[in-house]
C-alpha atoms as a PDB file:
ATOM      1  CA  UNK A   1       0.016  -0.005   0.072  1.00  0.00           C
ATOM      2  CA  UNK A   2       1.666   3.536  -1.092  1.00  0.00           C
ATOM      3  CA  UNK A   3       1.116   6.924   1.363  1.00  0.00           C
ATOM      4  CA  UNK A   4      -0.857   9.536   0.565  1.00  0.00           C
ATOM      5  CA  UNK A   5       1.573  11.471   2.647  1.00  0.00           C
ATOM      6  CA  UNK A   6       5.400  10.463   0.385  1.00  0.00           C
ATOM      7  CA  UNK A   7       4.085   7.814  -1.223  1.00  0.00           C
ATOM      8  CA  UNK A   8       6.182   5.137  -0.463  1.00  0.00           C
ATOM      9  CA  UNK A   9       5.279   1.706  -0.548  1.00  0.00           C
ATOM     10  CA  UNK A  10       6.642   0.528   2.647  1.00  0.00           C
ATOM     11  CA  UNK A  11       3.727   0.579   4.749  1.00  0.00           C
ATOM     12  CA  UNK A  12       2.729  -1.792   7.694  1.00  0.00           C
ATOM     13  CA  UNK A  13      -0.344  -2.495   9.496  1.00  0.00           C
ATOM     14  CA  UNK A  14      -0.741  -1.542  12.908  1.00  0.00           C
ATOM     15  CA  UNK A  15      -4.703  -2.287  13.795  1.00  0.00           C
ATOM     16  CA  UNK A  16      -7.489  -4.143  11.595  1.00  0.00           C
ATOM     17  CA  UNK A  17     -11.013  -4.528  13.049  1.00  0.00           C
ATOM     18  CA  UNK A  18     -14.300  -5.033  10.945  1.00  0.00           C
ATOM     19  CA  UNK A  19     -16.678  -2.437   9.672  1.00  0.00           C
ATOM     20  CA  UNK A  20     -19.866  -2.614  11.717  1.00  0.00           C
ATOM     21  CA  UNK A  21     -21.699  -4.128   9.049  1.00  0.00           C
ATOM     22  CA  UNK A  22     -19.129  -7.019   8.836  1.00  0.00           C
ATOM     23  CA  UNK A  23     -18.819  -6.344   5.154  1.00  0.00           C
ATOM     24  CA  UNK A  24     -14.689  -4.234   5.211  1.00  0.00           C
ATOM     25  CA  UNK A  25     -11.932  -4.073   7.111  1.00  0.00           C
ATOM     26  CA  UNK A  26     -10.883  -1.308   8.620  1.00  0.00           C
ATOM     27  CA  UNK A  27      -6.633  -1.410   8.478  1.00  0.00           C
ATOM     28  CA  UNK A  28      -5.074   1.291  10.667  1.00  0.00           C
ATOM     29  CA  UNK A  29      -1.223   1.651   8.218  1.00  0.00           C
ATOM     30  CA  UNK A  30       1.765   3.615   9.314  1.00  0.00           C
ATOM     31  CA  UNK A  31       4.518   4.831   6.608  1.00  0.00           C
ATOM     32  CA  UNK A  32       7.748   3.184   7.572  1.00  0.00           C
ATOM     33  CA  UNK A  33       9.503   6.086   5.728  1.00  0.00           C
ATOM     34  CA  UNK A  34       7.948   9.268   6.659  1.00  0.00           C
ATOM     35  CA  UNK A  35       5.797   7.669   9.723  1.00  0.00           C
ATOM     36  CA  UNK A  36       2.506   9.305   9.704  1.00  0.00           C
ATOM     37  CA  UNK A  37      -0.278   7.142  10.111  1.00  0.00           C
ATOM     38  CA  UNK A  38      -3.558   6.706   7.537  1.00  0.00           C
ATOM     39  CA  UNK A  39      -6.359   4.459   7.493  1.00  0.00           C
ATOM     40  CA  UNK A  40      -7.995   1.946   4.240  1.00  0.00           C
ATOM     41  CA  UNK A  41     -11.028   0.127   4.105  1.00  0.00           C
ATOM     42  CA  UNK A  42     -10.273  -3.314   2.232  1.00  0.00           C
ATOM     43  CA  UNK A  43     -13.837  -4.979   0.860  1.00  0.00           C
ATOM     44  CA  UNK A  44     -14.666  -7.655  -0.971  1.00  0.00           C
ATOM     45  CA  UNK A  45     -15.077  -7.020  -5.062  1.00  0.00           C
ATOM     46  CA  UNK A  46     -18.100  -7.174  -6.345  1.00  0.00           C
ATOM     47  CA  UNK A  47     -19.498  -7.727  -9.409  1.00  0.00           C
ATOM     48  CA  UNK A  48     -21.874  -5.365 -11.511  1.00  0.00           C
ATOM     49  CA  UNK A  49     -24.979  -6.785 -11.923  1.00  0.00           C
ATOM     50  CA  UNK A  50     -28.516  -6.616 -14.233  1.00  0.00           C
ATOM     51  CA  UNK A  51     -32.192  -6.816 -13.557  1.00  0.00           C
ATOM     52  CA  UNK A  52     -33.653  -7.834 -16.324  1.00  0.00           C
ATOM     53  CA  UNK A  53     -37.515  -6.432 -16.458  1.00  0.00           C
ATOM     54  CA  UNK A  54     -40.083  -7.332 -18.237  1.00  0.00           C
ATOM     55  CA  UNK A  55     -39.779  -6.108 -20.755  1.00  0.00           C
ATOM     56  CA  UNK A  56     -36.385  -7.761 -21.526  1.00  0.00           C
ATOM     57  CA  UNK A  57     -34.850  -4.918 -20.849  1.00  0.00           C
ATOM     58  CA  UNK A  58     -32.223  -4.380 -18.571  1.00  0.00           C
ATOM     59  CA  UNK A  59     -30.393  -2.143 -15.911  1.00  0.00           C
ATOM     60  CA  UNK A  60     -28.364  -2.064 -13.142  1.00  0.00           C
ATOM     61  CA  UNK A  61     -29.547  -3.473  -9.517  1.00  0.00           C
ATOM     62  CA  UNK A  62     -30.945  -0.937  -7.076  1.00  0.00           C
ATOM     63  CA  UNK A  63     -31.023  -2.214  -3.967  1.00  0.00           C
ATOM     64  CA  UNK A  64     -33.170   1.385  -3.109  1.00  0.00           C
ATOM     65  CA  UNK A  65     -36.593   0.151  -5.732  1.00  0.00           C
ATOM     66  CA  UNK A  66     -37.220  -2.778  -4.024  1.00  0.00           C
ATOM     67  CA  UNK A  67     -37.116  -1.275  -1.089  1.00  0.00           C
ATOM     68  CA  UNK A  68     -39.788   1.321  -2.135  1.00  0.00           C
ATOM     69  CA  UNK A  69     -41.428  -1.789  -3.057  1.00  0.00           C
ATOM     70  CA  UNK A  70     -41.718  -3.487   0.328  1.00  0.00           C
ATOM     71  CA  UNK A  71     -41.860   0.079   1.807  1.00  0.00           C
ATOM     72  CA  UNK A  72     -45.251   0.709   0.065  1.00  0.00           C
ATOM     73  CA  UNK A  73     -46.357  -2.365   1.383  1.00  0.00           C
ATOM     74  CA  UNK A  74     -45.735  -1.917   4.818  1.00  0.00           C
ATOM     75  CA  UNK A  75     -47.155   0.489   5.125  1.00  0.00           C
ATOM     76  CA  UNK A  76     -49.430   1.909   7.925  1.00  0.00           C
ATOM     77  CA  UNK A  77     -48.456  -2.010   9.009  1.00  0.00           C
ATOM     78  CA  UNK A  78     -46.905  -2.433  12.437  1.00  0.00           C
ATOM     79  CA  UNK A  79     -44.222  -3.446  11.203  1.00  0.00           C
ATOM     80  CA  UNK A  80     -40.125  -2.325  13.016  1.00  0.00           C
ATOM     81  CA  UNK A  81     -37.996  -0.963  10.622  1.00  0.00           C
ATOM     82  CA  UNK A  82     -35.904  -3.039  11.820  1.00  0.00           C
ATOM     83  CA  UNK A  83     -37.671  -5.931  10.680  1.00  0.00           C
ATOM     84  CA  UNK A  84     -38.125  -4.577   7.153  1.00  0.00           C
ATOM     85  CA  UNK A  85     -34.509  -4.123   6.765  1.00  0.00           C
ATOM     86  CA  UNK A  86     -33.256  -8.071   7.540  1.00  0.00           C
ATOM     87  CA  UNK A  87     -36.160  -8.358   5.007  1.00  0.00           C
ATOM     88  CA  UNK A  88     -34.670  -6.411   2.597  1.00  0.00           C
ATOM     89  CA  UNK A  89     -30.960  -7.880   3.759  1.00  0.00           C
ATOM     90  CA  UNK A  90     -31.989 -11.462   3.246  1.00  0.00           C
ATOM     91  CA  UNK A  91     -33.159 -11.128  -0.022  1.00  0.00           C
ATOM     92  CA  UNK A  92     -30.298  -8.949  -0.689  1.00  0.00           C
ATOM     93  CA  UNK A  93     -27.923 -11.872  -0.390  1.00  0.00           C
ATOM     94  CA  UNK A  94     -29.884 -14.205  -1.416  1.00  0.00           C
ATOM     95  CA  UNK A  95     -29.258 -11.951  -4.775  1.00  0.00           C
ATOM     96  CA  UNK A  96     -26.396 -11.847  -5.242  1.00  0.00           C
ATOM     97  CA  UNK A  97     -25.533 -15.656  -3.424  1.00  0.00           C
ATOM     98  CA  UNK A  98     -26.264 -16.792  -6.551  1.00  0.00           C
ATOM     99  CA  UNK A  99     -23.376 -15.078  -7.854  1.00  0.00           C
ATOM    100  CA  UNK A 100     -24.377 -14.426 -11.327  1.00  0.00           C
ATOM    101  CA  UNK A 101     -24.163 -10.774 -13.747  1.00  0.00           C
ATOM    102  CA  UNK A 102     -28.419 -10.931 -14.205  1.00  0.00           C
ATOM    103  CA  UNK A 103     -31.085 -11.806 -12.446  1.00  0.00           C
ATOM    104  CA  UNK A 104     -34.942 -11.439 -13.808  1.00  0.00           C
ATOM    105  CA  UNK A 105     -37.072  -9.058 -11.558  1.00  0.00           C
ATOM    106  CA  UNK A 106     -39.694 -11.435 -11.322  1.00  0.00           C
ATOM    107  CA  UNK A 107     -37.476 -13.298  -9.442  1.00  0.00           C
ATOM    108  CA  UNK A 108     -36.070 -10.666  -6.673  1.00  0.00           C
ATOM    109  CA  UNK A 109     -40.260 -10.216  -6.668  1.00  0.00           C
ATOM    110  CA  UNK A 110     -40.806 -14.018  -5.882  1.00  0.00           C
ATOM    111  CA  UNK A 111     -37.974 -13.120  -3.187  1.00  0.00           C
ATOM    112  CA  UNK A 112     -39.558 -10.785  -2.044  1.00  0.00           C
ATOM    113  CA  UNK A 113     -43.276 -11.537  -1.593  1.00  0.00           C
ATOM    114  CA  UNK A 114     -41.454 -15.086  -0.066  1.00  0.00           C
ATOM    115  CA  UNK A 115     -40.052 -12.864   2.877  1.00  0.00           C
ATOM    116  CA  UNK A 116     -42.799 -10.423   3.509  1.00  0.00           C
ATOM    117  CA  UNK A 117     -45.427 -13.882   3.732  1.00  0.00           C
ATOM    118  CA  UNK A 118     -43.348 -14.655   6.793  1.00  0.00           C
ATOM    119  CA  UNK A 119     -43.547 -11.380   8.393  1.00  0.00           C
ATOM    120  CA  UNK A 120     -46.634 -10.078   7.377  1.00  0.00           C
ATOM    121  CA  UNK A 121     -49.723 -10.821   5.715  1.00  0.00           C
ATOM    122  CA  UNK A 122     -51.165  -7.703   4.587  1.00  0.00           C
ATOM    123  CA  UNK A 123     -48.228  -6.326   3.505  1.00  0.00           C
ATOM    124  CA  UNK A 124     -47.696  -9.815   1.285  1.00  0.00           C
ATOM    125  CA  UNK A 125     -50.499  -9.086   0.233  1.00  0.00           C
ATOM    126  CA  UNK A 126     -50.794  -5.555  -0.875  1.00  0.00           C
ATOM    127  CA  UNK A 127     -47.255  -6.683  -2.537  1.00  0.00           C
ATOM    128  CA  UNK A 128     -48.471  -8.884  -4.416  1.00  0.00           C
ATOM    129  CA  UNK A 129     -51.358  -7.231  -5.583  1.00  0.00           C
ATOM    130  CA  UNK A 130     -49.054  -4.390  -7.699  1.00  0.00           C
ATOM    131  CA  UNK A 131     -46.597  -7.421  -8.259  1.00  0.00           C
ATOM    132  CA  UNK A 132     -48.743  -9.885  -9.757  1.00  0.00           C
ATOM    133  CA  UNK A 133     -50.962  -7.292 -10.869  1.00  0.00           C
ATOM    134  CA  UNK A 134     -54.146  -8.632  -9.969  1.00  0.00           C
ATOM    135  CA  UNK A 135     -56.947  -7.194 -12.555  1.00  0.00           C
ATOM    136  CA  UNK A 136     -59.692  -8.551 -10.752  1.00  0.00           C
ATOM    137  CA  UNK A 137     -61.316  -9.526  -7.767  1.00  0.00           C
ATOM    138  CA  UNK A 138     -61.175 -13.494  -8.727  1.00  0.00           C
ATOM    139  CA  UNK A 139     -56.931 -13.096  -8.896  1.00  0.00           C
ATOM    140  CA  UNK A 140     -56.764 -11.139  -5.180  1.00  0.00           C
ATOM    141  CA  UNK A 141     -59.745 -13.965  -3.601  1.00  0.00           C
ATOM    142  CA  UNK A 142     -57.310 -16.782  -5.239  1.00  0.00           C
ATOM    143  CA  UNK A 143     -54.198 -15.766  -3.974  1.00  0.00           C
ATOM    144  CA  UNK A 144     -56.110 -14.702  -0.708  1.00  0.00           C
ATOM    145  CA  UNK A 145     -57.140 -19.109   0.024  1.00  0.00           C
ATOM    146  CA  UNK A 146     -53.795 -19.651  -0.906  1.00  0.00           C
ATOM    147  CA  UNK A 147     -52.684 -17.919   1.714  1.00  0.00           C
ATOM    148  CA  UNK A 148     -54.911 -18.699   4.115  1.00  0.00           C
ATOM    149  CA  UNK A 149     -54.630 -22.562   3.465  1.00  0.00           C
ATOM    150  CA  UNK A 150     -50.897 -21.713   4.346  1.00  0.00           C
ATOM    151  CA  UNK A 151     -52.068 -20.462   7.366  1.00  0.00           C
ATOM    152  CA  UNK A 152     -55.344 -23.544   8.304  1.00  0.00           C
ATOM    153  CA  UNK A 153     -52.608 -26.223   7.285  1.00  0.00           C
ATOM    154  CA  UNK A 154     -49.105 -24.435   9.745  1.00  0.00           C
ATOM    155  CA  UNK A 155     -52.617 -24.271  12.329  1.00  0.00           C
ATOM    156  CA  UNK A 156     -52.669 -27.831  12.285  1.00  0.00           C
ATOM    157  CA  UNK A 157     -49.574 -28.749  12.015  1.00  0.00           C
ATOM    158  CA  UNK A 158     -48.525 -26.511  15.600  1.00  0.00           C
ATOM    159  CA  UNK A 159     -51.394 -28.059  16.793  1.00  0.00           C
ATOM    160  CA  UNK A 160     -50.741 -31.484  16.391  1.00  0.00           C
ATOM    161  CA  UNK A 161     -46.936 -30.594  16.947  1.00  0.00           C
ATOM    162  CA  UNK A 162     -48.125 -29.407  20.621  1.00  0.00           C
ATOM    163  CA  UNK A 163     -50.329 -32.306  21.549  1.00  0.00           C
ATOM    164  CA  UNK A 164     -47.325 -35.000  20.663  1.00  0.00           C
ATOM    165  CA  UNK A 165     -45.843 -33.208  23.399  1.00  0.00           C
END
């Protein structure tokens, strides 16, 4: 690492620690020539991710778009902001774990709905109604039926598990 003050390449690491979010390493360095100290940050090099839209156009991935959709779905719902951020982080981690250079916007929407379904049902239905473009009351009712069926199945499993315990 080159010293930003004198330009000499002989520096040593004095201290290393992870950043608060754990995605970077903060290093304090000392120049062996001039003795001055400076800080560097090391992070994993990520590849550019392109989102393939429904009309096959491509645009760079932008977390704020995903966040805006989730925030609209969660508007006036009793969901703590940290839970929303965790959902967004989890979805984003799943997207980047795939290590692909492109992802369909439909896949992102499905991931969000999968996580919203577990977080808050009303927010899930709101997001699904926009994302799946419900055109009439019947398609909306079908989605609600699926949700209620899943809820009954889960409740029955929970009841059975409690009776066995």
